[in-house]
Protein backbone atom coordinates (compact mmCIF):
# COMPACT_ATOMS: atom_id res chain seq x y z
CA MET A 1 28.14 -6.61 17.66
CA PRO A 2 30.71 -4.30 16.20
CA ALA A 3 29.64 -1.08 14.79
CA GLU A 4 31.20 -1.97 11.53
CA SER A 5 28.99 -5.04 11.01
CA LEU A 6 25.89 -2.73 11.04
CA ILE A 7 27.02 -1.16 7.74
CA LEU A 8 24.92 -2.45 4.79
CA THR A 9 26.68 -4.22 2.12
CA ARG A 10 26.10 -3.31 -1.54
CA ASP A 11 23.78 -6.16 -2.01
CA GLU A 12 21.70 -5.19 1.08
CA TRP A 13 21.46 -1.52 -0.06
CA GLN A 14 20.02 -2.96 -3.44
CA ILE A 15 17.36 -5.00 -1.41
CA VAL A 16 16.45 -1.81 0.76
CA LEU A 17 16.23 0.48 -2.51
CA LEU A 18 14.15 -2.23 -4.26
CA SER A 19 11.79 -2.51 -1.16
CA VAL A 20 11.22 1.18 -1.11
CA ARG A 21 10.73 1.31 -4.83
CA VAL A 22 8.24 -1.52 -4.77
CA ALA A 23 6.45 0.20 -1.99
CA VAL A 24 6.27 3.50 -3.72
CA VAL A 25 4.89 1.99 -6.93
CA ALA A 26 2.32 -0.06 -4.87
CA VAL A 27 0.98 3.13 -3.16
CA LEU A 28 0.97 5.20 -6.20
CA ALA A 29 -0.97 2.62 -8.20
CA ALA A 30 -3.34 2.13 -5.31
CA LEU A 31 -3.89 5.82 -4.43
CA PRO A 32 -6.69 6.79 -7.14
CA PHE A 33 -8.57 3.56 -6.27
CA GLY A 34 -8.20 4.17 -2.42
CA ILE A 35 -9.37 7.75 -2.62
CA TRP A 36 -12.49 6.88 -4.70
CA SER A 37 -13.32 3.79 -2.43
CA ALA A 38 -12.93 5.82 0.73
CA HIS A 39 -15.00 8.71 -0.41
CA TYR A 40 -17.65 6.38 -1.73
CA LEU A 41 -17.84 4.35 1.54
CA ALA A 42 -17.72 7.72 3.58
CA ARG A 43 -20.88 9.09 1.80
CA ARG A 44 -22.94 6.10 0.71
CA ARG A 45 -25.16 3.52 2.61
CA GLY A 46 -26.78 0.34 1.25
CA ILE A 47 -26.08 -3.07 -0.12
CA LEU A 48 -23.34 -2.01 -2.81
CA PRO A 49 -21.31 0.03 -0.30
CA PHE A 50 -21.65 -2.77 2.24
CA ALA A 51 -20.33 -5.35 -0.37
CA LEU A 52 -17.53 -3.05 -1.55
CA GLU A 53 -16.44 -2.47 2.14
CA ASN A 54 -16.10 -6.26 2.77
CA LEU A 55 -14.36 -6.74 -0.66
CA VAL A 56 -11.80 -3.87 0.22
CA GLN A 57 -11.24 -5.17 3.74
CA LEU A 58 -10.96 -8.92 2.58
CA PRO A 59 -6.99 -8.75 2.11
CA LEU A 60 -6.73 -7.57 5.75
CA VAL A 61 -8.19 -10.93 7.18
CA LEU A 62 -7.32 -13.35 4.28
CA PRO A 63 -3.99 -15.07 4.73
CA PRO A 64 -1.54 -13.28 2.53
CA VAL A 65 -0.44 -16.37 0.83
CA ILE A 66 -3.94 -16.95 -0.38
CA THR A 67 -4.11 -13.45 -1.59
CA GLY A 68 -0.91 -14.11 -3.52
CA TYR A 69 -2.27 -17.46 -4.84
CA VAL A 70 -5.35 -15.61 -6.19
CA LEU A 71 -3.02 -12.91 -7.78
CA LEU A 72 -1.11 -15.64 -9.43
CA ILE A 73 -4.13 -17.30 -10.91
CA LEU A 74 -5.34 -14.03 -12.28
CA LEU A 75 -2.12 -12.33 -13.21
CA GLY A 76 0.22 -15.37 -13.83
CA PRO A 77 1.29 -16.51 -17.40
CA SER A 78 -1.65 -18.68 -17.83
CA GLY A 79 -4.15 -16.50 -15.97
CA PRO A 80 -6.68 -14.58 -17.97
CA ILE A 81 -5.34 -11.10 -17.16
CA GLY A 82 -1.69 -12.19 -17.26
CA ARG A 83 -2.00 -13.95 -20.56
CA TRP A 84 -3.77 -11.01 -22.06
CA LEU A 85 -1.15 -8.45 -20.72
CA SER A 86 1.69 -10.62 -22.01
CA GLY A 87 0.14 -10.99 -25.54
CA ALA A 88 -1.15 -7.54 -25.87
CA PHE A 89 1.68 -5.43 -24.38
CA GLY A 90 4.54 -8.00 -23.53
CA ILE A 91 3.99 -7.22 -19.78
CA GLN A 92 4.84 -9.92 -17.45
CA ILE A 93 3.76 -9.53 -13.82
CA ALA A 94 4.41 -12.80 -12.24
CA PHE A 95 7.97 -13.00 -10.77
CA SER A 96 8.84 -9.36 -11.42
CA SER A 97 9.19 -6.39 -9.51
CA LEU A 98 5.73 -5.19 -10.90
CA GLY A 99 4.29 -8.41 -9.41
CA ALA A 100 5.73 -7.44 -6.07
CA ALA A 101 4.23 -3.95 -6.11
CA ILE A 102 0.81 -5.32 -7.02
CA ALA A 103 0.92 -7.81 -4.22
CA SER A 104 2.12 -5.11 -1.82
CA GLY A 105 -0.54 -2.68 -2.94
CA VAL A 106 -3.29 -5.17 -2.68
CA ILE A 107 -2.26 -6.16 0.96
CA ALA A 108 -1.85 -2.41 2.00
CA PHE A 109 -5.07 -1.17 0.27
CA PRO A 110 -7.43 -1.81 3.27
CA LEU A 111 -5.29 0.28 5.70
CA MET A 112 -5.17 2.90 3.05
CA VAL A 113 -8.86 3.19 2.73
CA GLN A 114 -9.44 2.95 6.46
CA ALA A 115 -7.41 6.18 7.06
CA MET A 116 -8.84 7.98 4.15
CA ARG A 117 -12.49 7.01 4.85
CA ILE A 118 -12.11 8.58 8.44
CA ALA A 119 -10.83 11.76 6.76
CA PHE A 120 -13.71 11.99 4.42
CA GLN A 121 -16.25 11.26 6.94
CA GLN A 122 -14.96 14.23 9.14
CA VAL A 123 -15.51 16.62 6.05
CA ASN A 124 -18.85 18.27 6.59
CA PRO A 125 -21.05 17.45 3.65
CA GLU A 126 -22.62 21.00 3.84
CA TRP A 127 -19.35 22.46 2.55
CA GLU A 128 -19.77 20.26 -0.47
CA GLU A 129 -23.36 21.22 -0.98
CA ALA A 130 -22.49 24.92 -0.59
CA ALA A 131 -19.88 24.54 -3.42
CA LEU A 132 -22.75 23.04 -5.65
CA VAL A 133 -24.99 25.85 -4.74
CA TYR A 134 -22.49 28.52 -5.95
CA GLY A 135 -22.26 27.06 -9.23
CA GLY A 136 -19.59 24.23 -8.98
CA GLY A 137 -20.01 20.73 -10.24
CA ARG A 138 -19.46 17.67 -8.20
CA TRP A 139 -15.96 17.25 -9.44
CA GLU A 140 -15.06 20.80 -8.70
CA ALA A 141 -16.42 20.61 -5.10
CA PHE A 142 -14.59 17.45 -4.55
CA ARG A 143 -11.23 18.73 -5.90
CA HIS A 144 -11.51 22.33 -4.27
CA VAL A 145 -13.23 21.43 -1.06
CA THR A 146 -13.32 17.70 0.04
CA LEU A 147 -9.78 16.87 -1.06
CA PRO A 148 -8.11 19.82 0.75
CA LEU A 149 -10.06 19.21 3.94
CA ALA A 150 -9.20 15.43 3.82
CA ALA A 151 -5.59 15.90 2.68
CA LYS A 152 -4.06 14.99 6.08
CA GLY A 153 -6.14 11.80 6.25
CA ILE A 154 -5.07 11.01 2.65
CA ALA A 155 -1.51 11.59 3.56
CA ALA A 156 -1.87 9.30 6.61
CA GLY A 157 -3.44 6.66 4.45
CA VAL A 158 -0.47 6.90 2.02
CA VAL A 159 2.02 6.69 4.75
CA ILE A 160 0.50 3.73 6.68
CA ALA A 161 0.15 1.86 3.25
CA PHE A 162 3.80 2.59 2.38
CA ALA A 163 5.00 0.89 5.73
CA ARG A 164 2.61 -2.10 5.17
CA ALA A 165 3.83 -2.43 1.56
CA VAL A 166 7.59 -2.32 2.74
CA GLY A 167 6.90 -5.23 5.09
CA GLU A 168 4.83 -7.42 2.86
CA PHE A 169 5.98 -10.97 2.53
CA GLY A 170 3.33 -13.62 1.97
CA ALA A 171 1.54 -12.51 -1.13
CA THR A 172 4.90 -11.20 -2.68
CA ILE A 173 6.75 -14.49 -2.40
CA VAL A 174 3.78 -16.31 -4.04
CA ILE A 175 3.51 -14.18 -7.17
CA ALA A 176 6.75 -12.55 -7.35
CA GLY A 177 9.10 -14.98 -6.03
CA ASN A 178 12.54 -14.27 -4.32
CA LEU A 179 14.72 -13.41 -7.16
CA PRO A 180 17.97 -11.51 -6.16
CA GLY A 181 18.03 -8.02 -7.85
CA ARG A 182 14.51 -8.39 -9.19
CA THR A 183 11.97 -9.38 -6.41
CA ARG A 184 14.15 -9.99 -3.28
CA THR A 185 12.75 -7.22 -0.86
CA ILE A 186 13.56 -6.80 2.91
CA PRO A 187 11.17 -9.58 4.04
CA THR A 188 12.12 -12.15 1.52
CA ALA A 189 15.77 -11.34 2.01
CA VAL A 190 15.43 -11.93 5.88
CA PHE A 191 13.72 -15.15 5.17
CA THR A 192 16.34 -16.34 2.97
CA SER A 193 19.20 -15.28 5.34
CA LEU A 194 17.63 -17.08 8.23
CA HIS A 195 18.08 -20.30 6.41
CA ARG A 196 21.90 -19.67 5.76
CA ILE A 197 24.51 -20.49 8.50
CA SER A 198 26.32 -17.27 7.92
CA GLY A 199 23.16 -15.09 7.56
CA GLU A 200 22.58 -13.67 10.92
CA SER A 201 24.48 -10.45 10.42
CA GLU A 202 22.47 -9.62 7.25
CA VAL A 203 19.33 -10.49 9.19
CA ILE A 204 20.18 -8.07 11.94
CA ARG A 205 21.06 -5.24 9.52
CA LEU A 206 17.88 -5.51 7.43
CA VAL A 207 15.93 -5.72 10.75
CA PHE A 208 17.33 -2.60 11.81
CA VAL A 209 16.49 -0.92 8.46
CA ALA A 210 13.01 -2.45 8.51
CA GLY A 211 12.46 -1.27 12.08
CA PHE A 212 13.64 2.34 11.06
CA LEU A 213 11.28 2.53 8.16
CA SER A 214 8.29 1.20 10.28
CA MET A 215 8.80 3.47 13.19
CA ALA A 216 9.31 6.58 10.96
CA SER A 217 6.18 5.83 9.03
CA LEU A 218 4.13 5.21 12.26
CA ALA A 219 5.42 8.54 13.68
CA VAL A 220 4.35 10.46 10.63
CA HIS A 221 1.06 8.64 10.39
CA SER A 222 0.43 9.42 14.24
CA ILE A 223 1.18 13.05 13.62
CA LEU A 224 -1.15 13.34 10.76
CA THR A 225 -4.14 11.53 12.38
CA ARG A 226 -3.90 13.54 15.58
CA ARG A 227 -4.42 16.67 13.54
CA LEU A 228 -7.67 15.37 11.98
CA GLY A 229 -11.16 15.93 13.32
CA HIS A 230 -11.02 19.71 13.52
CA GLN A 231 -12.94 20.75 10.44
CA PRO A 232 -14.60 24.27 10.29
CA SER A 233 -18.40 24.58 10.48
CA PRO A 234 -20.10 26.17 7.55
């Protein structure tokens, strides 16, 4: 294939930038919930943490199209949440880039929590207790002790979630569709081009971009996770 044919067209750049933007929004929206869930699961035992863990991990094993269908039922125009958001704030989630971000965030959430949970488990609880003894509250102990010590793991969770969000297809196409310029991300664009007679070149270019983003994300994730596990002793 000539080198010139590997240069992205204007429409393909739009697809790539939309994919990155959707993934960034997905990760940022999921981040607070991911940190809370990971810390809760790392520190608690019992029925409630067990139930929460299974709920968090469910999108990892459930077929993505089923996850997308559930989201469509809840967030679609006739769904309870979607109807309320549309009537109260004029927000439409289904068949929008916001819907694509929500779908990507839900699918990527389990991987984010897994990485962060490992990081929180490696933070010695005695450091948190020491902060409480010296007059700090639980929030201060979490913010000034736990978060800094788990920072690399949190970053690793963000990176792996971003990579998964960029590659999300099944749930996205159900709730967001495949609208050019609005919800057509790299996976849905590849799916579309595969069904076009002249779409092979576009597929190859987008596959190269997706592979580059995935490999870069995995490299950063690997570097961050290899630096975990060396917390100081109190």
